[in-house]
PDB file of N, CA and C in Angstrom:
ATOM      1  N   MET A   1     -15.343 -31.304 -14.227  1.00  0.00           N
ATOM      2  CA  MET A   1     -15.806 -30.291 -13.278  1.00  0.00           C
ATOM      3  C   MET A   1     -15.211 -28.939 -13.683  1.00  0.00           C
ATOM      4  N   LYS A   2     -16.068 -28.030 -14.024  1.00  0.00           N
ATOM      5  CA  LYS A   2     -15.633 -26.709 -14.453  1.00  0.00           C
ATOM      6  C   LYS A   2     -15.979 -25.697 -13.357  1.00  0.00           C
ATOM      7  N   LEU A   3     -14.973 -24.913 -12.970  1.00  0.00           N
ATOM      8  CA  LEU A   3     -15.181 -23.885 -11.960  1.00  0.00           C
ATOM      9  C   LEU A   3     -15.590 -22.590 -12.641  1.00  0.00           C
ATOM     10  N   ASN A   4     -16.610 -21.959 -12.139  1.00  0.00           N
ATOM     11  CA  ASN A   4     -17.079 -20.692 -12.697  1.00  0.00           C
ATOM     12  C   ASN A   4     -16.690 -19.549 -11.778  1.00  0.00           C
ATOM     13  N   PHE A   5     -15.639 -18.851 -12.170  1.00  0.00           N
ATOM     14  CA  PHE A   5     -15.192 -17.701 -11.397  1.00  0.00           C
ATOM     15  C   PHE A   5     -15.798 -16.443 -12.002  1.00  0.00           C
ATOM     16  N   PRO A   6     -16.135 -15.485 -11.165  1.00  0.00           N
ATOM     17  CA  PRO A   6     -16.684 -14.233 -11.714  1.00  0.00           C
ATOM     18  C   PRO A   6     -15.608 -13.468 -12.487  1.00  0.00           C
ATOM     19  N   ILE A   7     -16.034 -12.732 -13.484  1.00  0.00           N
ATOM     20  CA  ILE A   7     -15.100 -11.921 -14.261  1.00  0.00           C
ATOM     21  C   ILE A   7     -14.738 -10.683 -13.439  1.00  0.00           C
ATOM     22  N   VAL A   8     -13.447 -10.447 -13.303  1.00  0.00           N
ATOM     23  CA  VAL A   8     -12.962  -9.297 -12.543  1.00  0.00           C
ATOM     24  C   VAL A   8     -12.408  -8.291 -13.542  1.00  0.00           C
ATOM     25  N   TYR A   9     -12.984  -7.119 -13.547  1.00  0.00           N
ATOM     26  CA  TYR A   9     -12.517  -6.058 -14.427  1.00  0.00           C
ATOM     27  C   TYR A   9     -11.529  -5.199 -13.666  1.00  0.00           C
ATOM     28  N   LYS A  10     -10.297  -5.168 -14.150  1.00  0.00           N
ATOM     29  CA  LYS A  10      -9.259  -4.358 -13.510  1.00  0.00           C
ATOM     30  C   LYS A  10      -9.125  -3.064 -14.289  1.00  0.00           C
ATOM     31  N   GLU A  11      -9.312  -1.995 -13.595  1.00  0.00           N
ATOM     32  CA  GLU A  11      -9.189  -0.693 -14.232  1.00  0.00           C
ATOM     33  C   GLU A  11      -8.278   0.186 -13.397  1.00  0.00           C
ATOM     34  N   TYR A  12      -7.670   1.144 -14.040  1.00  0.00           N
ATOM     35  CA  TYR A  12      -6.770   2.077 -13.360  1.00  0.00           C
ATOM     36  C   TYR A  12      -7.584   2.969 -12.432  1.00  0.00           C
ATOM     37  N   ARG A  13      -7.138   3.059 -11.178  1.00  0.00           N
ATOM     38  CA  ARG A  13      -7.843   3.877 -10.189  1.00  0.00           C
ATOM     39  C   ARG A  13      -6.896   4.981  -9.715  1.00  0.00           C
ATOM     40  N   PRO A  14      -6.969   6.165 -10.290  1.00  0.00           N
ATOM     41  CA  PRO A  14      -6.020   7.236  -9.960  1.00  0.00           C
ATOM     42  C   PRO A  14      -6.127   7.704  -8.519  1.00  0.00           C
ATOM     43  N   GLU A  15      -7.268   7.507  -7.883  1.00  0.00           N
ATOM     44  CA  GLU A  15      -7.392   7.951  -6.494  1.00  0.00           C
ATOM     45  C   GLU A  15      -6.519   7.146  -5.542  1.00  0.00           C
ATOM     46  N   LEU A  16      -6.024   5.996  -5.985  1.00  0.00           N
ATOM     47  CA  LEU A  16      -5.152   5.182  -5.139  1.00  0.00           C
ATOM     48  C   LEU A  16      -3.687   5.608  -5.217  1.00  0.00           C
ATOM     49  N   ASN A  17      -3.354   6.499  -6.138  1.00  0.00           N
ATOM     50  CA  ASN A  17      -1.973   6.970  -6.253  1.00  0.00           C
ATOM     51  C   ASN A  17      -1.497   7.646  -4.972  1.00  0.00           C
ATOM     52  N   ALA A  18      -2.321   8.475  -4.377  1.00  0.00           N
ATOM     53  CA  ALA A  18      -1.937   9.178  -3.153  1.00  0.00           C
ATOM     54  C   ALA A  18      -1.734   8.196  -2.008  1.00  0.00           C
ATOM     55  N   LEU A  19      -2.579   7.198  -1.925  1.00  0.00           N
ATOM     56  CA  LEU A  19      -2.450   6.192  -0.878  1.00  0.00           C
ATOM     57  C   LEU A  19      -1.155   5.396  -1.048  1.00  0.00           C
ATOM     58  N   CYS A  20      -0.840   5.043  -2.272  1.00  0.00           N
ATOM     59  CA  CYS A  20       0.402   4.319  -2.551  1.00  0.00           C
ATOM     60  C   CYS A  20       1.617   5.189  -2.237  1.00  0.00           C
ATOM     61  N   ALA A  21       1.564   6.455  -2.607  1.00  0.00           N
ATOM     62  CA  ALA A  21       2.667   7.375  -2.332  1.00  0.00           C
ATOM     63  C   ALA A  21       2.868   7.567  -0.829  1.00  0.00           C
ATOM     64  N   ALA A  22       1.784   7.660  -0.076  1.00  0.00           N
ATOM     65  CA  ALA A  22       1.890   7.811   1.383  1.00  0.00           C
ATOM     66  C   ALA A  22       2.507   6.557   1.997  1.00  0.00           C
ATOM     67  N   ALA A  23       2.128   5.391   1.507  1.00  0.00           N
ATOM     68  CA  ALA A  23       2.679   4.142   2.035  1.00  0.00           C
ATOM     69  C   ALA A  23       4.176   4.059   1.787  1.00  0.00           C
ATOM     70  N   VAL A  24       4.602   4.411   0.571  1.00  0.00           N
ATOM     71  CA  VAL A  24       6.028   4.373   0.251  1.00  0.00           C
ATOM     72  C   VAL A  24       6.793   5.380   1.100  1.00  0.00           C
ATOM     73  N   LEU A  25       6.246   6.563   1.284  1.00  0.00           N
ATOM     74  CA  LEU A  25       6.892   7.579   2.114  1.00  0.00           C
ATOM     75  C   LEU A  25       7.039   7.112   3.557  1.00  0.00           C
ATOM     76  N   LEU A  26       6.011   6.479   4.102  1.00  0.00           N
ATOM     77  CA  LEU A  26       6.087   5.981   5.478  1.00  0.00           C
ATOM     78  C   LEU A  26       7.138   4.888   5.625  1.00  0.00           C
ATOM     79  N   VAL A  27       7.244   4.016   4.641  1.00  0.00           N
ATOM     80  CA  VAL A  27       8.271   2.970   4.692  1.00  0.00           C
ATOM     81  C   VAL A  27       9.665   3.595   4.612  1.00  0.00           C
ATOM     82  N   LEU A  28       9.837   4.593   3.738  1.00  0.00           N
ATOM     83  CA  LEU A  28      11.136   5.265   3.640  1.00  0.00           C
ATOM     84  C   LEU A  28      11.499   5.966   4.944  1.00  0.00           C
ATOM     85  N   LEU A  29      10.536   6.631   5.562  1.00  0.00           N
ATOM     86  CA  LEU A  29      10.807   7.313   6.834  1.00  0.00           C
ATOM     87  C   LEU A  29      11.196   6.312   7.920  1.00  0.00           C
ATOM     88  N   PHE A  30      10.568   5.155   7.907  1.00  0.00           N
ATOM     89  CA  PHE A  30      10.916   4.133   8.886  1.00  0.00           C
ATOM     90  C   PHE A  30      12.359   3.677   8.687  1.00  0.00           C
ATOM     91  N   HIS A  31      12.755   3.467   7.442  1.00  0.00           N
ATOM     92  CA  HIS A  31      14.109   2.982   7.165  1.00  0.00           C
ATOM     93  C   HIS A  31      15.163   4.060   7.365  1.00  0.00           C
ATOM     94  N   LEU A  32      14.759   5.313   7.379  1.00  0.00           N
ATOM     95  CA  LEU A  32      15.702   6.404   7.648  1.00  0.00           C
ATOM     96  C   LEU A  32      15.860   6.656   9.143  1.00  0.00           C
ATOM     97  N   ASP A  33      15.212   5.847   9.969  1.00  0.00           N
ATOM     98  CA  ASP A  33      15.259   5.961  11.436  1.00  0.00           C
ATOM     99  C   ASP A  33      14.817   7.337  11.922  1.00  0.00           C
ATOM    100  N   VAL A  34      13.718   7.832  11.375  1.00  0.00           N
ATOM    101  CA  VAL A  34      13.134   9.072  11.855  1.00  0.00           C
ATOM    102  C   VAL A  34      12.651   8.826  13.289  1.00  0.00           C
ATOM    103  N   GLU A  35      12.939   9.755  14.183  1.00  0.00           N
ATOM    104  CA  GLU A  35      12.722   9.543  15.614  1.00  0.00           C
ATOM    105  C   GLU A  35      11.276   9.205  15.971  1.00  0.00           C
ATOM    106  N   TRP A  36      10.291   9.844  15.342  1.00  0.00           N
ATOM    107  CA  TRP A  36       8.892   9.608  15.699  1.00  0.00           C
ATOM    108  C   TRP A  36       8.305   8.386  15.009  1.00  0.00           C
ATOM    109  N   MET A  37       9.120   7.691  14.211  1.00  0.00           N
ATOM    110  CA  MET A  37       8.620   6.525  13.484  1.00  0.00           C
ATOM    111  C   MET A  37       9.299   5.247  13.989  1.00  0.00           C
ATOM    112  N   GLN A  38       9.474   5.129  15.273  1.00  0.00           N
ATOM    113  CA  GLN A  38      10.155   3.976  15.839  1.00  0.00           C
ATOM    114  C   GLN A  38       9.235   2.763  15.920  1.00  0.00           C
ATOM    115  N   GLY A  39       9.705   1.653  15.374  1.00  0.00           N
ATOM    116  CA  GLY A  39       8.999   0.385  15.520  1.00  0.00           C
ATOM    117  C   GLY A  39       7.692   0.276  14.770  1.00  0.00           C
ATOM    118  N   GLY A  40       7.419   1.194  13.868  1.00  0.00           N
ATOM    119  CA  GLY A  40       6.129   1.151  13.186  1.00  0.00           C
ATOM    120  C   GLY A  40       6.233   0.624  11.773  1.00  0.00           C
ATOM    121  N   PHE A  41       5.262  -0.139  11.389  1.00  0.00           N
ATOM    122  CA  PHE A  41       5.190  -0.632  10.021  1.00  0.00           C
ATOM    123  C   PHE A  41       3.894  -0.135   9.384  1.00  0.00           C
ATOM    124  N   LEU A  42       3.552   1.109   9.686  1.00  0.00           N
ATOM    125  CA  LEU A  42       2.311   1.687   9.192  1.00  0.00           C
ATOM    126  C   LEU A  42       2.271   1.746   7.677  1.00  0.00           C
ATOM    127  N   GLY A  43       3.428   2.012   7.063  1.00  0.00           N
ATOM    128  CA  GLY A  43       3.463   2.071   5.609  1.00  0.00           C
ATOM    129  C   GLY A  43       3.105   0.745   4.971  1.00  0.00           C
ATOM    130  N   LEU A  44       3.562  -0.333   5.557  1.00  0.00           N
ATOM    131  CA  LEU A  44       3.206  -1.654   5.032  1.00  0.00           C
ATOM    132  C   LEU A  44       1.734  -1.951   5.216  1.00  0.00           C
ATOM    133  N   ASP A  45       1.179  -1.521   6.339  1.00  0.00           N
ATOM    134  CA  ASP A  45      -0.242  -1.741   6.575  1.00  0.00           C
ATOM    135  C   ASP A  45      -1.099  -0.953   5.588  1.00  0.00           C
ATOM    136  N   VAL A  46      -0.664   0.260   5.277  1.00  0.00           N
ATOM    137  CA  VAL A  46      -1.404   1.088   4.326  1.00  0.00           C
ATOM    138  C   VAL A  46      -1.302   0.494   2.938  1.00  0.00           C
ATOM    139  N   PHE A  47      -0.106   0.029   2.583  1.00  0.00           N
ATOM    140  CA  PHE A  47       0.114  -0.514   1.267  1.00  0.00           C
ATOM    141  C   PHE A  47      -0.609  -1.829   1.113  1.00  0.00           C
TER     142      PHE A  47
END
């Protein structure tokens, strides 16, 4: 029994750099205990 999976082409997507940077920044702000970022895991959700 041979499984036929579709070929997935992975290519660099530069437009995702800003999204990744925003996610990392939000996680850092959460860990720095910024007052307006209480209890939020928005950075993880974005990432």
